[in-house]
Amino acid sequence: MPHIEVNCPQCSENNVIKFGRNASGNQRYKCKNTGCDKDTFLLNYKRPGDLPETKEKIIDMSMNGSGIRNIARVLKVSTNTVMKELKKSQVS
């Protein structure tokens, strides 16, 4: 079996362990670095709305005055995804 080198997307360390599978059956990983904020992550995301980059772009576009439907159209995600991320960002 080939060995795949996995690095944490948050801290770029390779101190990562396998941490089960998600509902779709994709392998989840957990960063064991104590200073890292990333709890678990996937290597391959199925939907564009699940990508961390998309979530950051939603927040950035909203701060720059874009509307919910415009953000959804540009990023090719649903309006529900945009609203969910905006609600999460208000809480934290």
PDB file of N, CA and C in Angstrom:
ATOM      1  N   MET A   1       0.831  -1.176   0.000  1.00  0.00           N
ATOM      2  CA  MET A   1       0.000   0.000   0.000  1.00  0.00           C
ATOM      3  C   MET A   1       0.882   1.248   0.000  1.00  0.00           C
ATOM      4  N   PRO A   2       0.595   2.197  -0.873  1.00  0.00           N
ATOM      5  CA  PRO A   2       1.420   3.404  -0.906  1.00  0.00           C
ATOM      6  C   PRO A   2       1.166   4.281   0.314  1.00  0.00           C
ATOM      7  N   HIS A   3       2.227   4.937   0.749  1.00  0.00           N
ATOM      8  CA  HIS A   3       2.130   5.829   1.899  1.00  0.00           C
ATOM      9  C   HIS A   3       1.917   7.253   1.389  1.00  0.00           C
ATOM     10  N   ILE A   4       0.858   7.913   1.862  1.00  0.00           N
ATOM     11  CA  ILE A   4       0.543   9.270   1.437  1.00  0.00           C
ATOM     12  C   ILE A   4       0.948  10.226   2.552  1.00  0.00           C
ATOM     13  N   GLU A   5       1.756  11.222   2.208  1.00  0.00           N
ATOM     14  CA  GLU A   5       2.168  12.239   3.170  1.00  0.00           C
ATOM     15  C   GLU A   5       1.045  13.267   3.299  1.00  0.00           C
ATOM     16  N   VAL A   6       0.508  13.420   4.501  1.00  0.00           N
ATOM     17  CA  VAL A   6      -0.611  14.332   4.736  1.00  0.00           C
ATOM     18  C   VAL A   6      -0.141  15.450   5.655  1.00  0.00           C
ATOM     19  N   ASN A   7      -0.367  16.691   5.240  1.00  0.00           N
ATOM     20  CA  ASN A   7      -0.031  17.853   6.052  1.00  0.00           C
ATOM     21  C   ASN A   7      -1.304  18.579   6.453  1.00  0.00           C
ATOM     22  N   CYS A   8      -1.285  19.158   7.628  1.00  0.00           N
ATOM     23  CA  CYS A   8      -2.424  19.927   8.122  1.00  0.00           C
ATOM     24  C   CYS A   8      -2.570  21.200   7.284  1.00  0.00           C
ATOM     25  N   PRO A   9      -3.782  21.517   6.814  1.00  0.00           N
ATOM     26  CA  PRO A   9      -3.954  22.737   6.018  1.00  0.00           C
ATOM     27  C   PRO A   9      -3.796  24.017   6.837  1.00  0.00           C
ATOM     28  N   GLN A  10      -3.925  23.934   8.149  1.00  0.00           N
ATOM     29  CA  GLN A  10      -3.829  25.117   9.004  1.00  0.00           C
ATOM     30  C   GLN A  10      -2.380  25.440   9.362  1.00  0.00           C
ATOM     31  N   CYS A  11      -1.640  24.442   9.880  1.00  0.00           N
ATOM     32  CA  CYS A  11      -0.285  24.706  10.383  1.00  0.00           C
ATOM     33  C   CYS A  11       0.810  24.087   9.511  1.00  0.00           C
ATOM     34  N   SER A  12       0.461  23.318   8.496  1.00  0.00           N
ATOM     35  CA  SER A  12       1.391  22.681   7.545  1.00  0.00           C
ATOM     36  C   SER A  12       2.311  21.648   8.186  1.00  0.00           C
ATOM     37  N   GLU A  13       1.997  21.188   9.373  1.00  0.00           N
ATOM     38  CA  GLU A  13       2.770  20.125  10.015  1.00  0.00           C
ATOM     39  C   GLU A  13       2.298  18.773   9.498  1.00  0.00           C
ATOM     40  N   ASN A  14       3.180  17.775   9.561  1.00  0.00           N
ATOM     41  CA  ASN A  14       2.779  16.434   9.131  1.00  0.00           C
ATOM     42  C   ASN A  14       2.483  15.526  10.323  1.00  0.00           C
ATOM     43  N   ASN A  15       2.248  16.102  11.486  1.00  0.00           N
ATOM     44  CA  ASN A  15       1.884  15.354  12.685  1.00  0.00           C
ATOM     45  C   ASN A  15       0.368  15.124  12.667  1.00  0.00           C
ATOM     46  N   VAL A  16      -0.055  14.232  11.758  1.00  0.00           N
ATOM     47  CA  VAL A  16      -1.474  14.020  11.475  1.00  0.00           C
ATOM     48  C   VAL A  16      -1.798  12.543  11.634  1.00  0.00           C
ATOM     49  N   ILE A  17      -2.981  12.241  12.185  1.00  0.00           N
ATOM     50  CA  ILE A  17      -3.425  10.853  12.306  1.00  0.00           C
ATOM     51  C   ILE A  17      -4.752  10.687  11.575  1.00  0.00           C
ATOM     52  N   LYS A  18      -5.044   9.464  11.178  1.00  0.00           N
ATOM     53  CA  LYS A  18      -6.353   9.162  10.608  1.00  0.00           C
ATOM     54  C   LYS A  18      -7.379   9.258  11.724  1.00  0.00           C
ATOM     55  N   PHE A  19      -8.560   9.785  11.396  1.00  0.00           N
ATOM     56  CA  PHE A  19      -9.558  10.042  12.430  1.00  0.00           C
ATOM     57  C   PHE A  19     -10.943   9.644  11.954  1.00  0.00           C
ATOM     58  N   GLY A  20     -11.057   8.425  11.425  1.00  0.00           N
ATOM     59  CA  GLY A  20     -12.352   7.910  11.001  1.00  0.00           C
ATOM     60  C   GLY A  20     -12.734   8.362   9.607  1.00  0.00           C
ATOM     61  N   ARG A  21     -14.012   8.221   9.301  1.00  0.00           N
ATOM     62  CA  ARG A  21     -14.538   8.604   7.988  1.00  0.00           C
ATOM     63  C   ARG A  21     -15.785   9.453   8.174  1.00  0.00           C
ATOM     64  N   ASN A  22     -16.079  10.265   7.176  1.00  0.00           N
ATOM     65  CA  ASN A  22     -17.297  11.076   7.252  1.00  0.00           C
ATOM     66  C   ASN A  22     -18.476  10.275   6.705  1.00  0.00           C
ATOM     67  N   ALA A  23     -19.638  10.899   6.606  1.00  0.00           N
ATOM     68  CA  ALA A  23     -20.843  10.191   6.167  1.00  0.00           C
ATOM     69  C   ALA A  23     -20.725   9.678   4.737  1.00  0.00           C
ATOM     70  N   SER A  24     -19.933  10.337   3.907  1.00  0.00           N
ATOM     71  CA  SER A  24     -19.746   9.907   2.517  1.00  0.00           C
ATOM     72  C   SER A  24     -18.700   8.815   2.379  1.00  0.00           C
ATOM     73  N   GLY A  25     -18.014   8.497   3.460  1.00  0.00           N
ATOM     74  CA  GLY A  25     -16.993   7.460   3.415  1.00  0.00           C
ATOM     75  C   GLY A  25     -15.594   7.973   3.144  1.00  0.00           C
ATOM     76  N   ASN A  26     -15.408   9.295   3.113  1.00  0.00           N
ATOM     77  CA  ASN A  26     -14.080   9.860   2.886  1.00  0.00           C
ATOM     78  C   ASN A  26     -13.271   9.858   4.176  1.00  0.00           C
ATOM     79  N   GLN A  27     -11.967   9.646   4.057  1.00  0.00           N
ATOM     80  CA  GLN A  27     -11.078   9.592   5.211  1.00  0.00           C
ATOM     81  C   GLN A  27     -10.951  10.966   5.858  1.00  0.00           C
ATOM     82  N   ARG A  28     -11.136  11.014   7.188  1.00  0.00           N
ATOM     83  CA  ARG A  28     -10.913  12.243   7.954  1.00  0.00           C
ATOM     84  C   ARG A  28      -9.560  12.149   8.623  1.00  0.00           C
ATOM     85  N   TYR A  29      -8.940  13.298   8.857  1.00  0.00           N
ATOM     86  CA  TYR A  29      -7.646  13.367   9.523  1.00  0.00           C
ATOM     87  C   TYR A  29      -7.723  14.365  10.663  1.00  0.00           C
ATOM     88  N   LYS A  30      -6.841  14.171  11.660  1.00  0.00           N
ATOM     89  CA  LYS A  30      -6.790  15.065  12.812  1.00  0.00           C
ATOM     90  C   LYS A  30      -5.353  15.510  13.015  1.00  0.00           C
ATOM     91  N   CYS A  31      -5.160  16.812  13.246  1.00  0.00           N
ATOM     92  CA  CYS A  31      -3.831  17.358  13.503  1.00  0.00           C
ATOM     93  C   CYS A  31      -3.518  17.192  14.989  1.00  0.00           C
ATOM     94  N   LYS A  32      -2.339  16.645  15.291  1.00  0.00           N
ATOM     95  CA  LYS A  32      -1.956  16.424  16.680  1.00  0.00           C
ATOM     96  C   LYS A  32      -1.072  17.535  17.226  1.00  0.00           C
ATOM     97  N   ASN A  33      -0.820  18.562  16.416  1.00  0.00           N
ATOM     98  CA  ASN A  33      -0.028  19.699  16.859  1.00  0.00           C
ATOM     99  C   ASN A  33      -0.843  20.486  17.884  1.00  0.00           C
ATOM    100  N   THR A  34      -0.272  20.749  19.059  1.00  0.00           N
ATOM    101  CA  THR A  34      -1.034  21.394  20.131  1.00  0.00           C
ATOM    102  C   THR A  34      -1.373  22.848  19.825  1.00  0.00           C
ATOM    103  N   GLY A  35      -0.583  23.526  19.013  1.00  0.00           N
ATOM    104  CA  GLY A  35      -0.849  24.926  18.705  1.00  0.00           C
ATOM    105  C   GLY A  35      -1.789  25.134  17.534  1.00  0.00           C
ATOM    106  N   CYS A  36      -2.253  24.061  16.932  1.00  0.00           N
ATOM    107  CA  CYS A  36      -3.091  24.165  15.731  1.00  0.00           C
ATOM    108  C   CYS A  36      -4.567  24.259  16.114  1.00  0.00           C
ATOM    109  N   ASP A  37      -5.286  25.138  15.430  1.00  0.00           N
ATOM    110  CA  ASP A  37      -6.714  25.308  15.690  1.00  0.00           C
ATOM    111  C   ASP A  37      -7.574  24.334  14.903  1.00  0.00           C
ATOM    112  N   LYS A  38      -7.009  23.704  13.884  1.00  0.00           N
ATOM    113  CA  LYS A  38      -7.777  22.821  13.004  1.00  0.00           C
ATOM    114  C   LYS A  38      -8.008  21.499  13.721  1.00  0.00           C
ATOM    115  N   ASP A  39      -9.267  21.140  13.924  1.00  0.00           N
ATOM    116  CA  ASP A  39      -9.580  19.898  14.621  1.00  0.00           C
ATOM    117  C   ASP A  39      -9.481  18.719  13.663  1.00  0.00           C
ATOM    118  N   THR A  40     -10.392  18.612  12.724  1.00  0.00           N
ATOM    119  CA  THR A  40     -10.344  17.538  11.734  1.00  0.00           C
ATOM    120  C   THR A  40     -10.475  18.148  10.350  1.00  0.00           C
ATOM    121  N   PHE A  41     -10.001  17.411   9.341  1.00  0.00           N
ATOM    122  CA  PHE A  41     -10.090  17.904   7.973  1.00  0.00           C
ATOM    123  C   PHE A  41     -10.094  16.738   7.011  1.00  0.00           C
ATOM    124  N   LEU A  42     -10.499  17.014   5.776  1.00  0.00           N
ATOM    125  CA  LEU A  42     -10.508  16.043   4.688  1.00  0.00           C
ATOM    126  C   LEU A  42      -9.486  16.473   3.649  1.00  0.00           C
ATOM    127  N   LEU A  43      -9.004  15.522   2.868  1.00  0.00           N
ATOM    128  CA  LEU A  43      -8.121  15.876   1.755  1.00  0.00           C
ATOM    129  C   LEU A  43      -8.933  16.288   0.540  1.00  0.00           C
ATOM    130  N   ASN A  44     -10.045  15.596   0.298  1.00  0.00           N
ATOM    131  CA  ASN A  44     -10.874  15.872  -0.874  1.00  0.00           C
ATOM    132  C   ASN A  44     -12.285  16.210  -0.428  1.00  0.00           C
ATOM    133  N   TYR A  45     -12.736  17.401  -0.775  1.00  0.00           N
ATOM    134  CA  TYR A  45     -14.100  17.805  -0.472  1.00  0.00           C
ATOM    135  C   TYR A  45     -14.951  17.586  -1.708  1.00  0.00           C
ATOM    136  N   LYS A  46     -16.178  17.086  -1.531  1.00  0.00           N
ATOM    137  CA  LYS A  46     -17.054  16.800  -2.666  1.00  0.00           C
ATOM    138  C   LYS A  46     -17.729  18.050  -3.202  1.00  0.00           C
ATOM    139  N   ARG A  47     -18.195  18.913  -2.323  1.00  0.00           N
ATOM    140  CA  ARG A  47     -18.971  20.081  -2.748  1.00  0.00           C
ATOM    141  C   ARG A  47     -18.123  21.346  -2.610  1.00  0.00           C
ATOM    142  N   PRO A  48     -18.292  22.294  -3.538  1.00  0.00           N
ATOM    143  CA  PRO A  48     -17.498  23.524  -3.455  1.00  0.00           C
ATOM    144  C   PRO A  48     -17.807  24.354  -2.213  1.00  0.00           C
ATOM    145  N   GLY A  49     -19.006  24.227  -1.663  1.00  0.00           N
ATOM    146  CA  GLY A  49     -19.361  24.982  -0.465  1.00  0.00           C
ATOM    147  C   GLY A  49     -18.660  24.498   0.786  1.00  0.00           C
ATOM    148  N   ASP A  50     -18.082  23.304   0.747  1.00  0.00           N
ATOM    149  CA  ASP A  50     -17.385  22.759   1.905  1.00  0.00           C
ATOM    150  C   ASP A  50     -15.922  23.171   1.971  1.00  0.00           C
ATOM    151  N   LEU A  51     -15.394  23.707   0.896  1.00  0.00           N
ATOM    152  CA  LEU A  51     -13.982  24.087   0.862  1.00  0.00           C
ATOM    153  C   LEU A  51     -13.713  25.258   1.805  1.00  0.00           C
ATOM    154  N   PRO A  52     -12.643  25.188   2.586  1.00  0.00           N
ATOM    155  CA  PRO A  52     -12.317  26.306   3.483  1.00  0.00           C
ATOM    156  C   PRO A  52     -12.107  27.623   2.733  1.00  0.00           C
ATOM    157  N   GLU A  53     -11.553  27.554   1.509  1.00  0.00           N
ATOM    158  CA  GLU A  53     -11.331  28.776   0.729  1.00  0.00           C
ATOM    159  C   GLU A  53     -12.656  29.441   0.368  1.00  0.00           C
ATOM    160  N   THR A  54     -13.657  28.627   0.055  1.00  0.00           N
ATOM    161  CA  THR A  54     -14.971  29.169  -0.295  1.00  0.00           C
ATOM    162  C   THR A  54     -15.587  29.866   0.906  1.00  0.00           C
ATOM    163  N   LYS A  55     -15.436  29.275   2.078  1.00  0.00           N
ATOM    164  CA  LYS A  55     -15.991  29.875   3.290  1.00  0.00           C
ATOM    165  C   LYS A  55     -15.342  31.230   3.572  1.00  0.00           C
ATOM    166  N   GLU A  56     -14.029  31.325   3.349  1.00  0.00           N
ATOM    167  CA  GLU A  56     -13.340  32.602   3.540  1.00  0.00           C
ATOM    168  C   GLU A  56     -13.805  33.634   2.516  1.00  0.00           C
ATOM    169  N   LYS A  57     -13.999  33.200   1.266  1.00  0.00           N
ATOM    170  CA  LYS A  57     -14.440  34.118   0.212  1.00  0.00           C
ATOM    171  C   LYS A  57     -15.838  34.649   0.497  1.00  0.00           C
ATOM    172  N   ILE A  58     -16.705  33.805   1.068  1.00  0.00           N
ATOM    173  CA  ILE A  58     -18.062  34.247   1.408  1.00  0.00           C
ATOM    174  C   ILE A  58     -17.995  35.404   2.400  1.00  0.00           C
ATOM    175  N   ILE A  59     -17.174  35.263   3.425  1.00  0.00           N
ATOM    176  CA  ILE A  59     -17.042  36.312   4.442  1.00  0.00           C
ATOM    177  C   ILE A  59     -16.444  37.574   3.823  1.00  0.00           C
ATOM    178  N   ASP A  60     -15.384  37.413   3.019  1.00  0.00           N
ATOM    179  CA  ASP A  60     -14.730  38.571   2.394  1.00  0.00           C
ATOM    180  C   ASP A  60     -15.681  39.331   1.477  1.00  0.00           C
ATOM    181  N   MET A  61     -16.415  38.593   0.639  1.00  0.00           N
ATOM    182  CA  MET A  61     -17.328  39.247  -0.297  1.00  0.00           C
ATOM    183  C   MET A  61     -18.456  39.964   0.439  1.00  0.00           C
ATOM    184  N   SER A  62     -18.913  39.379   1.526  1.00  0.00           N
ATOM    185  CA  SER A  62     -19.983  40.008   2.292  1.00  0.00           C
ATOM    186  C   SER A  62     -19.489  41.291   2.959  1.00  0.00           C
ATOM    187  N   MET A  63     -18.252  41.288   3.435  1.00  0.00           N
ATOM    188  CA  MET A  63     -17.676  42.487   4.057  1.00  0.00           C
ATOM    189  C   MET A  63     -17.462  43.596   3.028  1.00  0.00           C
ATOM    190  N   ASN A  64     -17.300  43.222   1.760  1.00  0.00           N
ATOM    191  CA  ASN A  64     -17.106  44.204   0.694  1.00  0.00           C
ATOM    192  C   ASN A  64     -18.418  44.653   0.059  1.00  0.00           C
ATOM    193  N   GLY A  65     -19.541  44.242   0.634  1.00  0.00           N
ATOM    194  CA  GLY A  65     -20.828  44.760   0.198  1.00  0.00           C
ATOM    195  C   GLY A  65     -21.590  43.915  -0.804  1.00  0.00           C
ATOM    196  N   SER A  66     -21.139  42.713  -1.104  1.00  0.00           N
ATOM    197  CA  SER A  66     -21.869  41.852  -2.039  1.00  0.00           C
ATOM    198  C   SER A  66     -23.091  41.255  -1.351  1.00  0.00           C
ATOM    199  N   GLY A  67     -24.155  41.071  -2.099  1.00  0.00           N
ATOM    200  CA  GLY A  67     -25.373  40.478  -1.566  1.00  0.00           C
ATOM    201  C   GLY A  67     -25.290  38.960  -1.551  1.00  0.00           C
ATOM    202  N   ILE A  68     -26.238  38.343  -0.873  1.00  0.00           N
ATOM    203  CA  ILE A  68     -26.244  36.886  -0.717  1.00  0.00           C
ATOM    204  C   ILE A  68     -26.380  36.188  -2.059  1.00  0.00           C
ATOM    205  N   ARG A  69     -27.307  36.643  -2.891  1.00  0.00           N
ATOM    206  CA  ARG A  69     -27.498  35.979  -4.190  1.00  0.00           C
ATOM    207  C   ARG A  69     -26.303  36.182  -5.108  1.00  0.00           C
ATOM    208  N   ASN A  70     -25.689  37.355  -5.045  1.00  0.00           N
ATOM    209  CA  ASN A  70     -24.508  37.613  -5.862  1.00  0.00           C
ATOM    210  C   ASN A  70     -23.354  36.702  -5.439  1.00  0.00           C
ATOM    211  N   ILE A  71     -23.129  36.556  -4.147  1.00  0.00           N
ATOM    212  CA  ILE A  71     -22.065  35.679  -3.642  1.00  0.00           C
ATOM    213  C   ILE A  71     -22.319  34.250  -4.094  1.00  0.00           C
ATOM    214  N   ALA A  72     -23.563  33.798  -3.958  1.00  0.00           N
ATOM    215  CA  ALA A  72     -23.911  32.428  -4.346  1.00  0.00           C
ATOM    216  C   ALA A  72     -23.669  32.205  -5.832  1.00  0.00           C
ATOM    217  N   ARG A  73     -24.028  33.168  -6.650  1.00  0.00           N
ATOM    218  CA  ARG A  73     -23.857  33.034  -8.099  1.00  0.00           C
ATOM    219  C   ARG A  73     -22.372  33.012  -8.481  1.00  0.00           C
ATOM    220  N   VAL A  74     -21.574  33.898  -7.904  1.00  0.00           N
ATOM    221  CA  VAL A  74     -20.152  33.992  -8.246  1.00  0.00           C
ATOM    222  C   VAL A  74     -19.390  32.749  -7.798  1.00  0.00           C
ATOM    223  N   LEU A  75     -19.667  32.268  -6.588  1.00  0.00           N
ATOM    224  CA  LEU A  75     -18.929  31.125  -6.036  1.00  0.00           C
ATOM    225  C   LEU A  75     -19.541  29.780  -6.410  1.00  0.00           C
ATOM    226  N   LYS A  76     -20.695  29.800  -7.094  1.00  0.00           N
ATOM    227  CA  LYS A  76     -21.385  28.579  -7.515  1.00  0.00           C
ATOM    228  C   LYS A  76     -21.760  27.691  -6.328  1.00  0.00           C
ATOM    229  N   VAL A  77     -22.345  28.335  -5.311  1.00  0.00           N
ATOM    230  CA  VAL A  77     -22.878  27.626  -4.152  1.00  0.00           C
ATOM    231  C   VAL A  77     -24.320  28.087  -3.965  1.00  0.00           C
ATOM    232  N   SER A  78     -25.052  27.416  -3.091  1.00  0.00           N
ATOM    233  CA  SER A  78     -26.447  27.798  -2.869  1.00  0.00           C
ATOM    234  C   SER A  78     -26.525  29.001  -1.926  1.00  0.00           C
ATOM    235  N   THR A  79     -27.664  29.681  -1.979  1.00  0.00           N
ATOM    236  CA  THR A  79     -27.867  30.812  -1.074  1.00  0.00           C
ATOM    237  C   THR A  79     -27.926  30.335   0.377  1.00  0.00           C
ATOM    238  N   ASN A  80     -28.398  29.109   0.583  1.00  0.00           N
ATOM    239  CA  ASN A  80     -28.424  28.555   1.943  1.00  0.00           C
ATOM    240  C   ASN A  80     -27.017  28.391   2.497  1.00  0.00           C
ATOM    241  N   THR A  81     -26.069  27.993   1.655  1.00  0.00           N
ATOM    242  CA  THR A  81     -24.679  27.862   2.091  1.00  0.00           C
ATOM    243  C   THR A  81     -24.133  29.219   2.503  1.00  0.00           C
ATOM    244  N   VAL A  82     -24.421  30.233   1.721  1.00  0.00           N
ATOM    245  CA  VAL A  82     -23.944  31.584   2.031  1.00  0.00           C
ATOM    246  C   VAL A  82     -24.532  32.060   3.350  1.00  0.00           C
ATOM    247  N   MET A  83     -25.843  31.896   3.532  1.00  0.00           N
ATOM    248  CA  MET A  83     -26.484  32.341   4.771  1.00  0.00           C
ATOM    249  C   MET A  83     -25.948  31.577   5.978  1.00  0.00           C
ATOM    250  N   LYS A  84     -25.720  30.274   5.821  1.00  0.00           N
ATOM    251  CA  LYS A  84     -25.193  29.464   6.924  1.00  0.00           C
ATOM    252  C   LYS A  84     -23.821  29.971   7.363  1.00  0.00           C
ATOM    253  N   GLU A  85     -22.950  30.268   6.405  1.00  0.00           N
ATOM    254  CA  GLU A  85     -21.607  30.745   6.743  1.00  0.00           C
ATOM    255  C   GLU A  85     -21.641  32.135   7.367  1.00  0.00           C
ATOM    256  N   LEU A  86     -22.533  32.986   6.887  1.00  0.00           N
ATOM    257  CA  LEU A  86     -22.642  34.324   7.466  1.00  0.00           C
ATOM    258  C   LEU A  86     -23.165  34.265   8.900  1.00  0.00           C
ATOM    259  N   LYS A  87     -24.105  33.367   9.160  1.00  0.00           N
ATOM    260  CA  LYS A  87     -24.605  33.203  10.529  1.00  0.00           C
ATOM    261  C   LYS A  87     -23.510  32.684  11.447  1.00  0.00           C
ATOM    262  N   LYS A  88     -22.706  31.730  10.944  1.00  0.00           N
ATOM    263  CA  LYS A  88     -21.606  31.192  11.751  1.00  0.00           C
ATOM    264  C   LYS A  88     -20.585  32.273  12.071  1.00  0.00           C
ATOM    265  N   SER A  89     -20.320  33.150  11.111  1.00  0.00           N
ATOM    266  CA  SER A  89     -19.301  34.182  11.323  1.00  0.00           C
ATOM    267  C   SER A  89     -19.777  35.231  12.327  1.00  0.00           C
ATOM    268  N   GLN A  90     -21.081  35.460  12.432  1.00  0.00           N
ATOM    269  CA  GLN A  90     -21.605  36.416  13.399  1.00  0.00           C
ATOM    270  C   GLN A  90     -21.478  35.893  14.814  1.00  0.00           C
ATOM    271  N   VAL A  91     -21.616  34.586  14.996  1.00  0.00           N
ATOM    272  CA  VAL A  91     -21.552  33.981  16.324  1.00  0.00           C
ATOM    273  C   VAL A  91     -20.134  34.035  16.864  1.00  0.00           C
ATOM    274  N   SER A  92     -19.145  33.755  15.992  1.00  0.00           N
ATOM    275  CA  SER A  92     -17.761  33.706  16.475  1.00  0.00           C
ATOM    276  C   SER A  92     -17.066  35.024  16.438  1.00  0.00           C
TER     277      SER A  92
END
